[in-house]
Amino acid sequence: WIKKGEIRNTKDRYIGIQSILKQCGEYGCHFLCLLSIIEEYTGKSVDLISAIRVCQSKGWLHADFYVTDALAILNHFTNKKWTRSELLKSIPDKVKDNQYTEIKWVRDKYTHFTRRTIDTLINSQTVKLGKIAGYYIYTCEE
């Protein structure tokens, strides 16, 4: 996020952005799920380009969109402390108001992440032909 009064450097902001967004489209599902949690929690939109730049500069997101620290991303953009629980069987039908879910799918060498009601791909073959490898519950420690 751009802080109040800060001017965006358009040149730096857009250098390589098409390549970055292509990577995001191919491998950004986990990162995009995290951003959707942030937006759902805060009620505010997250600027995708700024979020990518911040997370990559902090080392929480690699250039190939591998997320190295999901909790740091959530903490940073919400100014709250988060925890993550991993469940192998299933997620409860109903979670608390401060909890947000994510599902990890696998198929052969492919991995894909979705939210319970959101898939960042329109027709994910990993979801269609794969299996669930785990469930995550992110909890905001308010």
Protein backbone atom coordinates (compact mmCIF):
# COMPACT_ATOMS: atom_id res chain seq x y z
CA TRP A 1 0.00 0.00 0.00
CA ILE A 2 1.13 3.50 -0.72
CA LYS A 3 1.33 5.65 2.37
CA LYS A 4 -0.55 8.95 2.46
CA GLY A 5 1.42 11.67 0.70
CA GLU A 6 3.77 9.18 -1.00
CA ILE A 7 4.09 9.57 -4.75
CA ARG A 8 4.21 6.48 -6.88
CA ASN A 9 7.13 6.24 -9.24
CA THR A 10 5.25 5.09 -12.33
CA LYS A 11 8.42 4.09 -14.17
CA ASP A 12 9.59 1.78 -11.37
CA ARG A 13 6.05 0.58 -10.78
CA TYR A 14 5.58 -0.67 -14.33
CA ILE A 15 9.05 -1.90 -15.28
CA GLY A 16 8.62 -5.61 -16.01
CA ILE A 17 5.02 -5.65 -14.79
CA GLN A 18 3.74 -7.67 -17.74
CA SER A 19 6.24 -10.45 -16.97
CA ILE A 20 5.42 -10.24 -13.28
CA LEU A 21 1.68 -10.48 -13.91
CA LYS A 22 2.26 -13.44 -16.25
CA GLN A 23 4.05 -15.22 -13.39
CA CYS A 24 1.23 -14.26 -11.04
CA GLY A 25 -1.29 -15.72 -13.48
CA GLU A 26 0.62 -18.99 -13.64
CA TYR A 27 1.75 -19.39 -10.02
CA GLY A 28 0.11 -16.70 -7.88
CA CYS A 29 -2.87 -18.62 -6.46
CA HIS A 30 -1.60 -18.80 -2.86
CA PHE A 31 -0.59 -15.12 -2.89
CA LEU A 32 -3.94 -14.09 -4.39
CA CYS A 33 -5.82 -16.11 -1.77
CA LEU A 34 -3.90 -14.23 0.92
CA LEU A 35 -4.79 -10.90 -0.67
CA SER A 36 -8.45 -11.92 -0.76
CA ILE A 37 -8.26 -12.69 2.97
CA ILE A 38 -6.74 -9.25 3.58
CA GLU A 39 -9.49 -7.56 1.56
CA GLU A 40 -12.21 -9.57 3.30
CA TYR A 41 -10.77 -8.73 6.73
CA THR A 42 -10.11 -5.02 6.12
CA GLY A 43 -13.01 -4.29 3.78
CA LYS A 44 -10.55 -2.42 1.54
CA SER A 45 -9.08 -3.22 -1.85
CA VAL A 46 -5.41 -4.12 -2.06
CA ASP A 47 -3.40 -2.63 -4.90
CA LEU A 48 -1.98 -5.74 -6.59
CA ILE A 49 1.13 -4.12 -8.05
CA SER A 50 2.07 -2.45 -4.76
CA ALA A 51 1.42 -5.65 -2.81
CA ILE A 52 3.65 -7.65 -5.15
CA ARG A 53 6.44 -5.07 -4.93
CA VAL A 54 6.26 -4.84 -1.12
CA CYS A 55 6.15 -8.60 -0.59
CA GLN A 56 9.00 -9.27 -3.00
CA SER A 57 11.15 -6.52 -1.49
CA LYS A 58 10.60 -8.00 2.00
CA GLY A 59 11.43 -11.53 0.80
CA TRP A 60 7.96 -12.90 1.56
CA LEU A 61 7.25 -13.59 -2.11
CA HIS A 62 9.75 -14.92 -4.66
CA ALA A 63 9.79 -13.81 -8.30
CA ASP A 64 8.11 -17.13 -9.20
CA PHE A 65 5.29 -16.27 -6.72
CA TYR A 66 6.33 -18.84 -4.14
CA VAL A 67 5.10 -17.46 -0.81
CA THR A 68 7.78 -17.78 1.87
CA ASP A 69 5.90 -16.14 4.74
CA ALA A 70 2.12 -16.03 4.51
CA LEU A 71 1.73 -14.78 8.07
CA ALA A 72 4.10 -11.86 7.49
CA ILE A 73 1.99 -10.83 4.48
CA LEU A 74 -1.21 -10.97 6.51
CA ASN A 75 0.40 -9.17 9.47
CA HIS A 76 1.81 -6.40 7.29
CA PHE A 77 -1.32 -5.54 5.34
CA THR A 78 -3.74 -5.76 8.27
CA ASN A 79 -1.52 -4.49 11.10
CA LYS A 80 -2.73 -7.50 13.12
CA LYS A 81 -1.09 -10.71 14.30
CA TRP A 82 -2.16 -13.89 12.51
CA THR A 83 -1.72 -17.60 13.12
CA ARG A 84 -2.20 -20.54 10.78
CA SER A 85 -3.48 -24.01 11.58
CA GLU A 86 -3.10 -26.86 9.13
CA LEU A 87 -5.79 -29.52 9.01
CA LEU A 88 -5.48 -32.69 6.97
CA LYS A 89 -9.05 -34.00 7.02
CA SER A 90 -11.46 -31.12 6.51
CA ILE A 91 -12.38 -27.64 7.62
CA PRO A 92 -15.39 -27.05 9.81
CA ASP A 93 -18.62 -26.06 8.08
CA LYS A 94 -18.54 -22.80 10.02
CA VAL A 95 -15.49 -20.92 11.28
CA LYS A 96 -15.29 -17.98 13.67
CA ASP A 97 -15.59 -14.43 12.35
CA ASN A 98 -11.83 -13.90 12.76
CA GLN A 99 -10.94 -17.08 10.81
CA TYR A 100 -10.39 -17.48 7.08
CA THR A 101 -9.86 -20.71 5.16
CA GLU A 102 -7.70 -21.87 2.28
CA ILE A 103 -7.59 -25.25 0.54
CA LYS A 104 -4.45 -26.82 -0.95
CA TRP A 105 -5.01 -29.02 -4.01
CA VAL A 106 -2.49 -31.32 -5.75
CA ARG A 107 -2.44 -33.15 -9.04
CA ASP A 108 0.73 -34.84 -10.25
CA LYS A 109 3.41 -32.13 -10.00
CA TYR A 110 0.89 -29.28 -9.74
CA THR A 111 -0.31 -27.47 -6.63
CA HIS A 112 -3.17 -24.99 -6.48
CA PHE A 113 -4.72 -22.99 -3.65
CA THR A 114 -8.34 -21.86 -3.38
CA ARG A 115 -10.54 -20.26 -0.78
CA ARG A 116 -13.71 -22.09 0.20
CA THR A 117 -15.82 -19.97 -2.18
CA ILE A 118 -13.13 -18.40 -4.39
CA ASP A 119 -10.94 -19.95 -7.05
CA THR A 120 -8.58 -17.55 -8.78
CA LEU A 121 -8.75 -19.73 -11.90
CA ILE A 122 -11.94 -20.15 -13.88
CA ASN A 123 -11.39 -23.82 -14.70
CA SER A 124 -8.58 -25.27 -12.59
CA GLN A 125 -7.59 -28.72 -13.79
CA THR A 126 -5.82 -29.31 -10.48
CA VAL A 127 -9.12 -28.81 -8.66
CA LYS A 128 -11.12 -30.73 -11.26
CA LEU A 129 -8.77 -33.75 -11.53
CA GLY A 130 -6.69 -33.51 -8.37
CA LYS A 131 -7.26 -34.07 -4.68
CA ILE A 132 -7.19 -32.00 -1.53
CA ALA A 133 -3.82 -32.15 0.22
CA GLY A 134 -4.71 -29.98 3.19
CA TYR A 135 -6.71 -27.17 4.67
CA TYR A 136 -5.46 -24.00 6.33
CA ILE A 137 -7.27 -21.82 8.79
CA TYR A 138 -5.82 -18.34 9.26
CA THR A 139 -6.86 -16.71 12.50
CA CYS A 140 -6.56 -13.01 13.26
CA GLU A 141 -5.54 -12.54 16.89
CA GLU A 142 -7.56 -9.38 17.47
